[in-house]
N, C-alpha and C. Protein backbone atom coordinates (compact mmCIF):
# COMPACT_ATOMS: atom_id res chain seq x y z
N MET A 1 -5.90 53.63 -57.38
CA MET A 1 -5.66 53.73 -58.40
C MET A 1 -5.89 54.77 -58.65
N MET A 2 -5.80 55.97 -57.87
CA MET A 2 -5.69 57.52 -58.51
C MET A 2 -5.18 57.53 -59.27
N GLU A 3 -3.83 57.08 -58.52
CA GLU A 3 -2.42 57.41 -59.19
C GLU A 3 -2.03 57.35 -60.78
N PHE A 4 -3.55 57.17 -61.77
CA PHE A 4 -2.61 56.80 -62.77
C PHE A 4 -4.03 57.69 -63.71
N PRO A 5 -3.72 58.49 -65.04
CA PRO A 5 -4.32 59.38 -65.36
C PRO A 5 -5.32 58.80 -66.14
N VAL A 6 -6.38 59.00 -66.71
CA VAL A 6 -7.55 58.53 -67.13
C VAL A 6 -7.23 57.14 -68.46
N GLN A 7 -6.27 58.48 -69.26
CA GLN A 7 -5.76 57.71 -70.58
C GLN A 7 -4.77 56.54 -70.73
N GLN A 8 -4.08 56.56 -69.31
CA GLN A 8 -3.45 55.69 -68.99
C GLN A 8 -4.27 54.41 -68.61
N LEU A 9 -4.80 54.66 -67.77
CA LEU A 9 -6.26 53.74 -67.31
C LEU A 9 -6.93 53.08 -68.14
N ASN A 10 -7.34 53.37 -69.03
CA ASN A 10 -7.78 53.07 -70.76
C ASN A 10 -6.56 52.22 -70.85
N THR A 11 -5.15 52.30 -71.03
CA THR A 11 -4.73 51.95 -71.56
C THR A 11 -3.90 50.70 -71.01
N ILE A 12 -3.81 50.53 -69.78
CA ILE A 12 -3.71 49.31 -68.94
C ILE A 12 -5.41 48.32 -69.18
N LYS A 13 -6.14 48.82 -68.98
CA LYS A 13 -7.52 48.31 -69.28
C LYS A 13 -7.32 47.59 -70.84
N ASN A 14 -6.61 47.83 -71.59
CA ASN A 14 -6.54 47.79 -73.16
C ASN A 14 -5.82 46.31 -73.13
N ILE A 15 -4.38 46.31 -72.35
CA ILE A 15 -3.83 45.43 -72.50
C ILE A 15 -4.17 44.29 -71.03
N LEU A 16 -5.04 44.57 -70.91
CA LEU A 16 -5.23 43.31 -69.38
C LEU A 16 -6.43 42.59 -71.04
N GLU A 17 -6.77 43.20 -71.61
CA GLU A 17 -7.95 42.69 -72.61
C GLU A 17 -7.04 41.48 -73.64
N SER A 18 -6.30 41.99 -74.40
CA SER A 18 -5.19 42.00 -74.55
C SER A 18 -4.42 40.41 -74.06
N LEU A 19 -4.38 40.19 -73.06
CA LEU A 19 -3.83 39.74 -72.03
C LEU A 19 -4.40 38.21 -71.78
N LEU A 20 -5.97 38.85 -71.67
CA LEU A 20 -6.68 37.81 -71.14
C LEU A 20 -6.86 37.29 -72.57
N PHE A 21 -7.19 37.85 -73.41
CA PHE A 21 -7.86 37.13 -74.84
C PHE A 21 -6.65 36.27 -75.36
N VAL A 22 -5.67 36.03 -74.97
CA VAL A 22 -4.84 35.09 -75.03
C VAL A 22 -4.38 34.35 -74.47
N ALA A 23 -4.91 34.50 -72.81
CA ALA A 23 -4.37 33.35 -72.17
C ALA A 23 -5.02 32.12 -71.99
N ARG A 24 -4.70 30.89 -71.58
CA ARG A 24 -4.76 29.34 -72.56
C ARG A 24 -5.29 29.22 -70.65
N LYS A 25 -4.97 29.92 -69.80
CA LYS A 25 -5.46 29.52 -68.12
C LYS A 25 -5.72 30.73 -67.06
N PRO A 26 -6.15 30.76 -66.34
CA PRO A 26 -6.53 32.03 -65.67
C PRO A 26 -5.19 32.53 -65.15
N LEU A 27 -4.81 33.62 -65.35
CA LEU A 27 -4.63 34.70 -65.10
C LEU A 27 -4.47 35.39 -63.61
N THR A 28 -3.41 35.40 -63.01
CA THR A 28 -3.76 36.29 -61.24
C THR A 28 -3.21 37.40 -61.55
N PRO A 29 -3.75 38.57 -60.51
CA PRO A 29 -3.27 39.93 -61.07
C PRO A 29 -1.90 40.09 -60.52
N GLU A 30 -0.89 38.78 -59.62
CA GLU A 30 0.70 38.55 -59.60
C GLU A 30 1.07 38.50 -61.10
N GLU A 31 0.70 37.62 -61.74
CA GLU A 31 1.29 37.50 -62.86
C GLU A 31 0.96 38.54 -63.82
N ILE A 32 0.50 38.75 -64.17
CA ILE A 32 -0.12 40.48 -64.83
C ILE A 32 0.67 41.45 -64.40
N ALA A 33 1.21 41.54 -63.23
CA ALA A 33 1.92 42.70 -62.79
C ALA A 33 3.36 42.31 -63.17
N GLN A 34 3.73 40.91 -62.95
CA GLN A 34 4.64 40.81 -63.13
C GLN A 34 5.23 40.98 -65.08
N ALA A 35 3.96 40.41 -65.60
CA ALA A 35 4.07 40.92 -67.25
C ALA A 35 4.13 42.03 -67.81
N MET A 36 3.55 42.96 -66.78
CA MET A 36 3.21 44.45 -67.26
C MET A 36 4.63 45.74 -66.64
N GLY A 37 5.58 44.75 -66.17
CA GLY A 37 6.52 45.30 -65.57
C GLY A 37 6.09 46.10 -64.35
N GLU A 38 7.10 46.91 -63.72
CA GLU A 38 7.22 47.74 -62.57
C GLU A 38 6.08 48.68 -63.81
N GLY A 39 5.24 49.71 -62.16
CA GLY A 39 4.23 50.58 -62.20
C GLY A 39 3.04 50.46 -61.87
N VAL A 40 2.78 48.85 -62.34
CA VAL A 40 1.41 49.19 -62.19
C VAL A 40 1.33 47.99 -60.72
N SER A 41 0.33 47.69 -60.05
CA SER A 41 0.73 47.58 -58.42
C SER A 41 -0.39 45.98 -59.00
N ALA A 42 -0.43 45.30 -58.12
CA ALA A 42 -1.35 43.70 -58.54
C ALA A 42 -2.78 43.92 -57.84
N GLU A 43 -2.77 44.50 -57.20
CA GLU A 43 -4.08 45.92 -56.33
C GLU A 43 -4.71 46.73 -57.37
N ALA A 44 -3.48 47.04 -58.39
CA ALA A 44 -4.51 48.27 -59.17
C ALA A 44 -5.33 47.35 -60.34
N ILE A 45 -4.06 46.07 -60.77
CA ILE A 45 -4.38 45.37 -61.73
C ILE A 45 -5.83 44.35 -61.53
N THR A 46 -5.90 44.15 -59.76
CA THR A 46 -7.43 43.69 -59.55
C THR A 46 -8.62 44.33 -59.83
N THR A 47 -8.08 45.86 -59.14
CA THR A 47 -9.59 47.12 -59.41
C THR A 47 -9.65 46.74 -60.63
N LEU A 48 -9.03 46.82 -61.41
CA LEU A 48 -9.65 47.44 -62.81
C LEU A 48 -9.78 45.70 -63.65
N LEU A 49 -9.41 44.95 -63.16
CA LEU A 49 -9.49 43.56 -63.85
C LEU A 49 -11.17 43.31 -63.19
N GLU A 50 -11.62 43.93 -62.62
CA GLU A 50 -13.19 43.88 -61.44
C GLU A 50 -13.80 45.06 -62.60
N GLU A 51 -13.48 46.04 -62.71
CA GLU A 51 -14.04 47.02 -63.89
C GLU A 51 -14.73 46.26 -64.72
N LEU A 52 -13.65 45.72 -65.73
CA LEU A 52 -13.56 44.60 -66.98
C LEU A 52 -14.81 43.95 -66.91
N LEU A 53 -14.65 43.40 -65.93
CA LEU A 53 -15.30 41.91 -65.61
C LEU A 53 -17.22 42.93 -65.57
N ARG A 54 -17.10 43.73 -64.70
CA ARG A 54 -18.44 44.77 -65.55
C ARG A 54 -18.96 45.15 -66.41
N ASP A 55 -18.15 45.23 -67.44
CA ASP A 55 -17.98 45.86 -68.38
C ASP A 55 -18.64 45.45 -69.70
N TYR A 56 -18.00 44.10 -69.34
CA TYR A 56 -18.31 42.38 -69.99
C TYR A 56 -19.58 41.82 -70.39
N GLU A 57 -20.30 42.42 -68.80
CA GLU A 57 -21.79 41.49 -68.75
C GLU A 57 -22.54 41.79 -69.45
N GLY A 58 -23.13 40.84 -70.41
CA GLY A 58 -24.37 40.48 -70.56
C GLY A 58 -23.49 40.45 -72.54
N LYS A 59 -22.44 40.62 -72.59
CA LYS A 59 -22.23 40.21 -74.29
C LYS A 59 -21.44 38.73 -74.66
N GLY A 60 -21.20 38.87 -75.38
CA GLY A 60 -21.02 37.56 -75.75
C GLY A 60 -19.89 36.85 -75.38
N ILE A 61 -18.46 37.92 -75.05
CA ILE A 61 -17.83 37.15 -74.40
C ILE A 61 -17.78 38.06 -73.01
N ASN A 62 -17.14 36.95 -72.10
CA ASN A 62 -16.97 37.07 -71.02
C ASN A 62 -15.38 37.44 -69.69
N ILE A 63 -15.59 38.27 -68.70
CA ILE A 63 -14.27 38.13 -67.92
C ILE A 63 -14.80 37.22 -67.28
N ILE A 64 -14.44 36.01 -66.58
CA ILE A 64 -14.69 35.12 -65.92
C ILE A 64 -13.40 35.18 -64.55
N LYS A 65 -14.01 35.14 -63.69
CA LYS A 65 -13.18 34.83 -62.15
C LYS A 65 -13.15 33.67 -61.81
N VAL A 66 -12.05 32.86 -62.16
CA VAL A 66 -12.29 31.48 -62.21
C VAL A 66 -10.51 31.25 -61.36
N ALA A 67 -10.71 30.08 -60.54
CA ALA A 67 -9.18 29.33 -59.96
C ALA A 67 -8.11 30.36 -59.35
N GLY A 68 -8.63 31.46 -58.91
CA GLY A 68 -7.69 32.51 -58.24
C GLY A 68 -7.40 33.79 -59.19
N GLY A 69 -7.99 33.17 -60.44
CA GLY A 69 -6.94 34.41 -61.58
C GLY A 69 -8.58 34.49 -62.87
N TYR A 70 -8.41 35.43 -63.25
CA TYR A 70 -9.19 35.83 -64.53
C TYR A 70 -8.85 35.34 -65.68
N LEU A 71 -10.29 35.09 -66.80
CA LEU A 71 -9.91 34.65 -67.77
C LEU A 71 -10.95 35.39 -68.86
N MET A 72 -11.01 34.85 -69.58
CA MET A 72 -11.81 35.33 -70.90
C MET A 72 -12.71 34.47 -71.30
N GLY A 73 -13.38 34.23 -71.47
CA GLY A 73 -15.00 33.04 -72.49
C GLY A 73 -15.90 33.67 -72.67
N THR A 74 -16.69 32.72 -73.44
CA THR A 74 -17.78 32.92 -74.35
C THR A 74 -18.58 32.91 -73.41
N SER A 75 -19.66 34.07 -73.56
CA SER A 75 -21.22 33.68 -72.53
C SER A 75 -22.25 32.19 -72.37
N PRO A 76 -22.10 32.21 -71.14
CA PRO A 76 -22.88 30.51 -71.32
C PRO A 76 -23.95 30.70 -72.48
N GLU A 77 -24.67 31.58 -72.65
CA GLU A 77 -26.39 32.06 -72.97
C GLU A 77 -25.73 30.96 -74.90
N ASN A 78 -24.91 31.39 -75.14
CA ASN A 78 -24.32 30.94 -76.96
C ASN A 78 -23.54 29.60 -76.65
N ALA A 79 -23.23 29.08 -75.37
CA ALA A 79 -22.67 27.11 -75.36
C ALA A 79 -22.97 26.68 -77.02
N ASP A 80 -24.26 26.83 -77.12
CA ASP A 80 -24.42 25.95 -77.98
C ASP A 80 -24.43 26.36 -78.92
N TYR A 81 -24.17 27.23 -79.34
CA TYR A 81 -23.82 27.54 -80.70
C TYR A 81 -22.42 27.20 -81.48
N VAL A 82 -21.72 28.39 -79.70
CA VAL A 82 -19.85 27.92 -79.59
C VAL A 82 -19.75 26.32 -79.72
N TYR A 83 -19.81 25.39 -79.49
CA TYR A 83 -20.38 23.79 -79.18
C TYR A 83 -20.62 23.24 -80.91
N ASN A 84 -21.91 23.68 -81.39
CA ASN A 84 -21.86 23.56 -83.00
C ASN A 84 -21.31 24.41 -83.89
N LEU A 85 -20.32 24.56 -83.62
CA LEU A 85 -19.49 25.31 -84.60
C LEU A 85 -17.92 24.46 -84.13
N LEU A 86 -17.72 24.02 -83.17
CA LEU A 86 -16.52 23.07 -82.56
C LEU A 86 -16.70 21.85 -82.41
């Protein structure tokens, strides 16, 4: 993880958020690494995804680890409101 300067880490985290936001299924770190091209390992992506998972705790949108991958979803506490809208 130390191989990237802070600015680049923030950029990668922003990209991860975008990919998770549009994903229709859980994304594995390997799938994300392939989408991002060379230079970012699946291991580094896993570390950053775990950071994002913690960053989103307690918010209306969460990053959820499921089925060997990660995805974005609404907080369980807000399920009734989401259901009412849909």
